[in-house]
């Protein structure tokens, strides 16, 4: 998959606790083999202390693909 990750600057908690929130963005092009349903999984870990995973299924309809992609 031809994907790009976009790192965002950390955001400090406004309460003054010193905690920060970080995030990443993901950009990729939907291809014909993605038609139907696309499964995305996000995993986060802080060493061996914290681990979390989140899955999401996204419906992909042909109307979102360009004519050139559908012919390939």
PDB file of N, CA and C in Angstrom:
ATOM      1  N   UNK A   1       0.851  -1.177   0.000  1.00  0.00           N
ATOM      2  CA  UNK A   1       0.000   0.000   0.000  1.00  0.00           C
ATOM      3  C   UNK A   1       0.890   1.232   0.000  1.00  0.00           C
ATOM      4  N   UNK A   2       0.535   2.204  -0.798  1.00  0.00           N
ATOM      5  CA  UNK A   2       1.269   3.449  -0.865  1.00  0.00           C
ATOM      6  C   UNK A   2       0.628   4.431   0.119  1.00  0.00           C
ATOM      7  N   UNK A   3       1.103   4.415   1.363  1.00  0.00           N
ATOM      8  CA  UNK A   3       0.507   5.240   2.410  1.00  0.00           C
ATOM      9  C   UNK A   3       1.545   6.210   2.972  1.00  0.00           C
ATOM     10  N   UNK A   4       1.053   7.301   3.521  1.00  0.00           N
ATOM     11  CA  UNK A   4       1.918   8.288   4.156  1.00  0.00           C
ATOM     12  C   UNK A   4       1.412   8.571   5.565  1.00  0.00           C
ATOM     13  N   UNK A   5       2.339   8.549   6.529  1.00  0.00           N
ATOM     14  CA  UNK A   5       2.019   8.942   7.896  1.00  0.00           C
ATOM     15  C   UNK A   5       2.365  10.411   8.082  1.00  0.00           C
ATOM     16  N   UNK A   6       1.527  11.121   8.806  1.00  0.00           N
ATOM     17  CA  UNK A   6       1.733  12.540   9.082  1.00  0.00           C
ATOM     18  C   UNK A   6       1.790  12.718  10.598  1.00  0.00           C
ATOM     19  N   UNK A   7       2.957  13.090  11.084  1.00  0.00           N
ATOM     20  CA  UNK A   7       3.122  13.274  12.524  1.00  0.00           C
ATOM     21  C   UNK A   7       2.679  14.679  12.916  1.00  0.00           C
ATOM     22  N   UNK A   8       1.832  14.760  13.945  1.00  0.00           N
ATOM     23  CA  UNK A   8       1.348  16.047  14.445  1.00  0.00           C
ATOM     24  C   UNK A   8       2.109  16.394  15.725  1.00  0.00           C
ATOM     25  N   UNK A   9       2.250  17.666  16.003  1.00  0.00           N
ATOM     26  CA  UNK A   9       2.930  18.099  17.222  1.00  0.00           C
ATOM     27  C   UNK A   9       2.129  17.691  18.459  1.00  0.00           C
ATOM     28  N   UNK A  10       2.833  17.328  19.540  1.00  0.00           N
ATOM     29  CA  UNK A  10       2.131  16.996  20.787  1.00  0.00           C
ATOM     30  C   UNK A  10       1.333  18.193  21.300  1.00  0.00           C
ATOM     31  N   UNK A  11       0.206  17.888  21.942  1.00  0.00           N
ATOM     32  CA  UNK A  11      -0.644  18.926  22.535  1.00  0.00           C
ATOM     33  C   UNK A  11      -0.631  18.718  24.046  1.00  0.00           C
ATOM     34  N   UNK A  12      -0.260  19.766  24.778  1.00  0.00           N
ATOM     35  CA  UNK A  12      -0.186  19.668  26.233  1.00  0.00           C
ATOM     36  C   UNK A  12      -1.566  19.808  26.856  1.00  0.00           C
ATOM     37  N   UNK A  13      -1.809  19.026  27.892  1.00  0.00           N
ATOM     38  CA  UNK A  13      -3.079  19.065  28.619  1.00  0.00           C
ATOM     39  C   UNK A  13      -3.245  20.450  29.248  1.00  0.00           C
ATOM     40  N   UNK A  14      -4.368  21.129  28.969  1.00  0.00           N
ATOM     41  CA  UNK A  14      -4.558  22.493  29.503  1.00  0.00           C
ATOM     42  C   UNK A  14      -4.680  22.557  31.019  1.00  0.00           C
ATOM     43  N   UNK A  15      -4.856  21.427  31.693  1.00  0.00           N
ATOM     44  CA  UNK A  15      -4.993  21.444  33.154  1.00  0.00           C
ATOM     45  C   UNK A  15      -3.671  21.707  33.865  1.00  0.00           C
ATOM     46  N   UNK A  16      -2.551  21.654  33.093  1.00  0.00           N
ATOM     47  CA  UNK A  16      -1.253  21.882  33.720  1.00  0.00           C
ATOM     48  C   UNK A  16      -0.655  20.629  34.327  1.00  0.00           C
ATOM     49  N   UNK A  17      -1.206  19.471  34.007  1.00  0.00           N
ATOM     50  CA  UNK A  17      -0.726  18.211  34.574  1.00  0.00           C
ATOM     51  C   UNK A  17       0.607  17.767  33.972  1.00  0.00           C
ATOM     52  N   UNK A  18       0.999  18.387  32.865  1.00  0.00           N
ATOM     53  CA  UNK A  18       2.231  17.980  32.196  1.00  0.00           C
ATOM     54  C   UNK A  18       2.026  16.836  31.211  1.00  0.00           C
ATOM     55  N   UNK A  19       0.811  16.304  31.145  1.00  0.00           N
ATOM     56  CA  UNK A  19       0.506  15.218  30.207  1.00  0.00           C
ATOM     57  C   UNK A  19       0.393  15.785  28.796  1.00  0.00           C
ATOM     58  N   UNK A  20       0.731  14.952  27.798  1.00  0.00           N
ATOM     59  CA  UNK A  20       0.640  15.353  26.405  1.00  0.00           C
ATOM     60  C   UNK A  20      -0.148  14.321  25.610  1.00  0.00           C
ATOM     61  N   UNK A  21      -0.813  14.779  24.565  1.00  0.00           N
ATOM     62  CA  UNK A  21      -1.505  13.907  23.625  1.00  0.00           C
ATOM     63  C   UNK A  21      -0.774  14.017  22.292  1.00  0.00           C
ATOM     64  N   UNK A  22      -0.470  12.870  21.694  1.00  0.00           N
ATOM     65  CA  UNK A  22       0.159  12.865  20.379  1.00  0.00           C
ATOM     66  C   UNK A  22      -0.747  12.130  19.400  1.00  0.00           C
ATOM     67  N   UNK A  23      -0.603  12.442  18.118  1.00  0.00           N
ATOM     68  CA  UNK A  23      -1.426  11.761  17.116  1.00  0.00           C
ATOM     69  C   UNK A  23      -0.673  11.680  15.795  1.00  0.00           C
ATOM     70  N   UNK A  24      -1.092  10.722  14.982  1.00  0.00           N
ATOM     71  CA  UNK A  24      -0.573  10.537  13.632  1.00  0.00           C
ATOM     72  C   UNK A  24      -1.735  10.580  12.666  1.00  0.00           C
ATOM     73  N   UNK A  25      -1.494  11.080  11.471  1.00  0.00           N
ATOM     74  CA  UNK A  25      -2.486  11.037  10.403  1.00  0.00           C
ATOM     75  C   UNK A  25      -2.041  10.018   9.370  1.00  0.00           C
ATOM     76  N   UNK A  26      -2.977   9.430   8.660  1.00  0.00           N
ATOM     77  CA  UNK A  26      -2.691   8.455   7.615  1.00  0.00           C
ATOM     78  C   UNK A  26      -3.402   8.871   6.338  1.00  0.00           C
ATOM     79  N   UNK A  27      -2.660   8.920   5.234  1.00  0.00           N
ATOM     80  CA  UNK A  27      -3.227   9.249   3.933  1.00  0.00           C
ATOM     81  C   UNK A  27      -2.879   8.136   2.955  1.00  0.00           C
ATOM     82  N   UNK A  28      -3.879   7.621   2.243  1.00  0.00           N
ATOM     83  CA  UNK A  28      -3.629   6.637   1.198  1.00  0.00           C
ATOM     84  C   UNK A  28      -4.769   6.679   0.199  1.00  0.00           C
ATOM     85  N   UNK A  29      -4.519   6.160  -0.992  1.00  0.00           N
ATOM     86  CA  UNK A  29      -5.528   6.126  -2.049  1.00  0.00           C
ATOM     87  C   UNK A  29      -6.272   4.799  -2.023  1.00  0.00           C
ATOM     88  N   UNK A  30      -7.588   4.880  -2.092  1.00  0.00           N
ATOM     89  CA  UNK A  30      -8.423   3.684  -2.161  1.00  0.00           C
ATOM     90  C   UNK A  30      -8.302   3.097  -3.563  1.00  0.00           C
ATOM     91  N   UNK A  31      -8.107   1.797  -3.648  1.00  0.00           N
ATOM     92  CA  UNK A  31      -7.941   1.094  -4.911  1.00  0.00           C
ATOM     93  C   UNK A  31      -9.129   0.161  -5.141  1.00  0.00           C
ATOM     94  N   UNK A  32      -9.314  -0.344  -6.361  1.00  0.00           N
ATOM     95  CA  UNK A  32     -10.452  -1.219  -6.654  1.00  0.00           C
ATOM     96  C   UNK A  32     -10.555  -2.451  -5.736  1.00  0.00           C
ATOM     97  N   UNK A  33      -9.412  -2.996  -5.310  1.00  0.00           N
ATOM     98  CA  UNK A  33      -9.486  -4.176  -4.432  1.00  0.00           C
ATOM     99  C   UNK A  33      -9.993  -3.836  -3.024  1.00  0.00           C
ATOM    100  N   UNK A  34     -10.162  -2.566  -2.712  1.00  0.00           N
ATOM    101  CA  UNK A  34     -10.727  -2.151  -1.426  1.00  0.00           C
ATOM    102  C   UNK A  34     -12.261  -2.104  -1.454  1.00  0.00           C
ATOM    103  N   UNK A  35     -12.874  -2.282  -2.635  1.00  0.00           N
ATOM    104  CA  UNK A  35     -14.339  -2.206  -2.736  1.00  0.00           C
ATOM    105  C   UNK A  35     -15.005  -3.159  -1.751  1.00  0.00           C
ATOM    106  N   UNK A  36     -16.068  -2.706  -1.169  1.00  0.00           N
ATOM    107  CA  UNK A  36     -16.803  -3.500  -0.186  1.00  0.00           C
ATOM    108  C   UNK A  36     -16.550  -2.952   1.193  1.00  0.00           C
ATOM    109  N   UNK A  37     -15.472  -3.410   1.821  1.00  0.00           N
ATOM    110  CA  UNK A  37     -15.186  -2.988   3.183  1.00  0.00           C
ATOM    111  C   UNK A  37     -13.680  -2.908   3.388  1.00  0.00           C
ATOM    112  N   UNK A  38     -13.246  -1.868   4.035  1.00  0.00           N
ATOM    113  CA  UNK A  38     -11.835  -1.656   4.330  1.00  0.00           C
ATOM    114  C   UNK A  38     -11.680  -1.692   5.847  1.00  0.00           C
ATOM    115  N   UNK A  39     -10.763  -2.520   6.347  1.00  0.00           N
ATOM    116  CA  UNK A  39     -10.546  -2.627   7.787  1.00  0.00           C
ATOM    117  C   UNK A  39      -9.287  -1.853   8.163  1.00  0.00           C
ATOM    118  N   UNK A  40      -9.434  -0.913   9.089  1.00  0.00           N
ATOM    119  CA  UNK A  40      -8.305  -0.152   9.612  1.00  0.00           C
ATOM    120  C   UNK A  40      -8.093  -0.546  11.071  1.00  0.00           C
ATOM    121  N   UNK A  41      -6.839  -0.649  11.460  1.00  0.00           N
ATOM    122  CA  UNK A  41      -6.512  -0.962  12.848  1.00  0.00           C
ATOM    123  C   UNK A  41      -5.496   0.051  13.342  1.00  0.00           C
ATOM    124  N   UNK A  42      -5.738   0.583  14.526  1.00  0.00           N
ATOM    125  CA  UNK A  42      -4.835   1.541  15.159  1.00  0.00           C
ATOM    126  C   UNK A  42      -4.328   0.905  16.448  1.00  0.00           C
ATOM    127  N   UNK A  43      -3.019   0.894  16.634  1.00  0.00           N
ATOM    128  CA  UNK A  43      -2.426   0.343  17.860  1.00  0.00           C
ATOM    129  C   UNK A  43      -1.592   1.412  18.538  1.00  0.00           C
ATOM    130  N   UNK A  44      -1.679   1.457  19.847  1.00  0.00           N
ATOM    131  CA  UNK A  44      -0.887   2.398  20.639  1.00  0.00           C
ATOM    132  C   UNK A  44      -0.218   1.655  21.778  1.00  0.00           C
ATOM    133  N   UNK A  45       1.024   2.017  22.058  1.00  0.00           N
ATOM    134  CA  UNK A  45       1.750   1.388  23.161  1.00  0.00           C
ATOM    135  C   UNK A  45       2.680   2.405  23.809  1.00  0.00           C
ATOM    136  N   UNK A  46       2.812   2.272  25.119  1.00  0.00           N
ATOM    137  CA  UNK A  46       3.814   3.017  25.874  1.00  0.00           C
ATOM    138  C   UNK A  46       4.642   1.962  26.589  1.00  0.00           C
ATOM    139  N   UNK A  47       5.758   1.607  25.956  1.00  0.00           N
ATOM    140  CA  UNK A  47       6.600   0.536  26.506  1.00  0.00           C
ATOM    141  C   UNK A  47       5.785  -0.714  26.739  1.00  0.00           C
ATOM    142  N   UNK A  48       6.003  -1.357  27.875  1.00  0.00           N
ATOM    143  CA  UNK A  48       5.213  -2.541  28.231  1.00  0.00           C
ATOM    144  C   UNK A  48       4.122  -2.200  29.243  1.00  0.00           C
ATOM    145  N   UNK A  49       3.943  -0.909  29.539  1.00  0.00           N
ATOM    146  CA  UNK A  49       2.991  -0.467  30.559  1.00  0.00           C
ATOM    147  C   UNK A  49       1.574  -0.319  30.010  1.00  0.00           C
ATOM    148  N   UNK A  50       1.455   0.133  28.769  1.00  0.00           N
ATOM    149  CA  UNK A  50       0.138   0.448  28.210  1.00  0.00           C
ATOM    150  C   UNK A  50       0.068  -0.039  26.770  1.00  0.00           C
ATOM    151  N   UNK A  51      -1.064  -0.672  26.418  1.00  0.00           N
ATOM    152  CA  UNK A  51      -1.272  -1.113  25.046  1.00  0.00           C
ATOM    153  C   UNK A  51      -2.766  -1.044  24.751  1.00  0.00           C
ATOM    154  N   UNK A  52      -3.120  -0.528  23.570  1.00  0.00           N
ATOM    155  CA  UNK A  52      -4.528  -0.458  23.168  1.00  0.00           C
ATOM    156  C   UNK A  52      -4.618  -0.618  21.657  1.00  0.00           C
ATOM    157  N   UNK A  53      -5.692  -1.264  21.216  1.00  0.00           N
ATOM    158  CA  UNK A  53      -5.923  -1.465  19.793  1.00  0.00           C
ATOM    159  C   UNK A  53      -7.374  -1.109  19.483  1.00  0.00           C
ATOM    160  N   UNK A  54      -7.581  -0.509  18.306  1.00  0.00           N
ATOM    161  CA  UNK A  54      -8.914  -0.112  17.883  1.00  0.00           C
ATOM    162  C   UNK A  54      -9.090  -0.503  16.427  1.00  0.00           C
ATOM    163  N   UNK A  55     -10.187  -1.191  16.101  1.00  0.00           N
ATOM    164  CA  UNK A  55     -10.493  -1.607  14.732  1.00  0.00           C
ATOM    165  C   UNK A  55     -11.732  -0.881  14.232  1.00  0.00           C
ATOM    166  N   UNK A  56     -11.706  -0.553  12.950  1.00  0.00           N
ATOM    167  CA  UNK A  56     -12.855   0.105  12.329  1.00  0.00           C
ATOM    168  C   UNK A  56     -13.016  -0.432  10.910  1.00  0.00           C
ATOM    169  N   UNK A  57     -14.244  -0.784  10.539  1.00  0.00           N
ATOM    170  CA  UNK A  57     -14.552  -1.195   9.162  1.00  0.00           C
ATOM    171  C   UNK A  57     -15.234  -0.028   8.466  1.00  0.00           C
ATOM    172  N   UNK A  58     -14.746   0.296   7.283  1.00  0.00           N
ATOM    173  CA  UNK A  58     -15.260   1.432   6.536  1.00  0.00           C
ATOM    174  C   UNK A  58     -15.808   0.931   5.208  1.00  0.00           C
ATOM    175  N   UNK A  59     -17.088   1.195   4.910  1.00  0.00           N
ATOM    176  CA  UNK A  59     -17.635   0.766   3.619  1.00  0.00           C
ATOM    177  C   UNK A  59     -17.025   1.592   2.484  1.00  0.00           C
ATOM    178  N   UNK A  60     -16.678   0.921   1.390  1.00  0.00           N
ATOM    179  CA  UNK A  60     -16.099   1.597   0.231  1.00  0.00           C
ATOM    180  C   UNK A  60     -16.995   1.309  -0.969  1.00  0.00           C
ATOM    181  N   UNK A  61     -17.575   2.356  -1.536  1.00  0.00           N
ATOM    182  CA  UNK A  61     -18.463   2.219  -2.691  1.00  0.00           C
ATOM    183  C   UNK A  61     -17.722   2.637  -3.958  1.00  0.00           C
ATOM    184  N   UNK A  62     -18.097   2.069  -5.074  1.00  0.00           N
ATOM    185  CA  UNK A  62     -17.442   2.341  -6.358  1.00  0.00           C
ATOM    186  C   UNK A  62     -17.531   3.815  -6.742  1.00  0.00           C
ATOM    187  N   UNK A  63     -18.519   4.537  -6.283  1.00  0.00           N
ATOM    188  CA  UNK A  63     -18.666   5.940  -6.681  1.00  0.00           C
ATOM    189  C   UNK A  63     -17.518   6.812  -6.183  1.00  0.00           C
ATOM    190  N   UNK A  64     -16.746   6.325  -5.214  1.00  0.00           N
ATOM    191  CA  UNK A  64     -15.630   7.098  -4.701  1.00  0.00           C
ATOM    192  C   UNK A  64     -14.343   6.866  -5.484  1.00  0.00           C
ATOM    193  N   UNK A  65     -14.348   5.913  -6.409  1.00  0.00           N
ATOM    194  CA  UNK A  65     -13.162   5.624  -7.195  1.00  0.00           C
ATOM    195  C   UNK A  65     -13.253   6.318  -8.549  1.00  0.00           C
ATOM    196  N   UNK A  66     -12.134   6.763  -9.051  1.00  0.00           N
ATOM    197  CA  UNK A  66     -12.135   7.421 -10.355  1.00  0.00           C
ATOM    198  C   UNK A  66     -12.297   6.388 -11.462  1.00  0.00           C
ATOM    199  N   UNK A  67     -12.710   6.835 -12.620  1.00  0.00           N
ATOM    200  CA  UNK A  67     -12.903   5.960 -13.771  1.00  0.00           C
ATOM    201  C   UNK A  67     -11.611   5.219 -14.130  1.00  0.00           C
ATOM    202  N   UNK A  68     -10.464   5.892 -14.032  1.00  0.00           N
ATOM    203  CA  UNK A  68      -9.175   5.283 -14.367  1.00  0.00           C
ATOM    204  C   UNK A  68      -8.850   4.115 -13.423  1.00  0.00           C
ATOM    205  N   UNK A  69      -9.133   4.283 -12.136  1.00  0.00           N
ATOM    206  CA  UNK A  69      -8.851   3.210 -11.175  1.00  0.00           C
ATOM    207  C   UNK A  69      -9.742   1.998 -11.398  1.00  0.00           C
ATOM    208  N   UNK A  70     -11.003   2.231 -11.747  1.00  0.00           N
ATOM    209  CA  UNK A  70     -11.924   1.118 -11.960  1.00  0.00           C
ATOM    210  C   UNK A  70     -11.551   0.316 -13.195  1.00  0.00           C
ATOM    211  N   UNK A  71     -10.892   0.931 -14.180  1.00  0.00           N
ATOM    212  CA  UNK A  71     -10.508   0.229 -15.402  1.00  0.00           C
ATOM    213  C   UNK A  71      -9.197  -0.521 -15.249  1.00  0.00           C
ATOM    214  N   UNK A  72      -8.437  -0.265 -14.188  1.00  0.00           N
ATOM    215  CA  UNK A  72      -7.133  -0.923 -14.014  1.00  0.00           C
ATOM    216  C   UNK A  72      -7.281  -2.310 -13.411  1.00  0.00           C
TER     217      UNK A  72
END
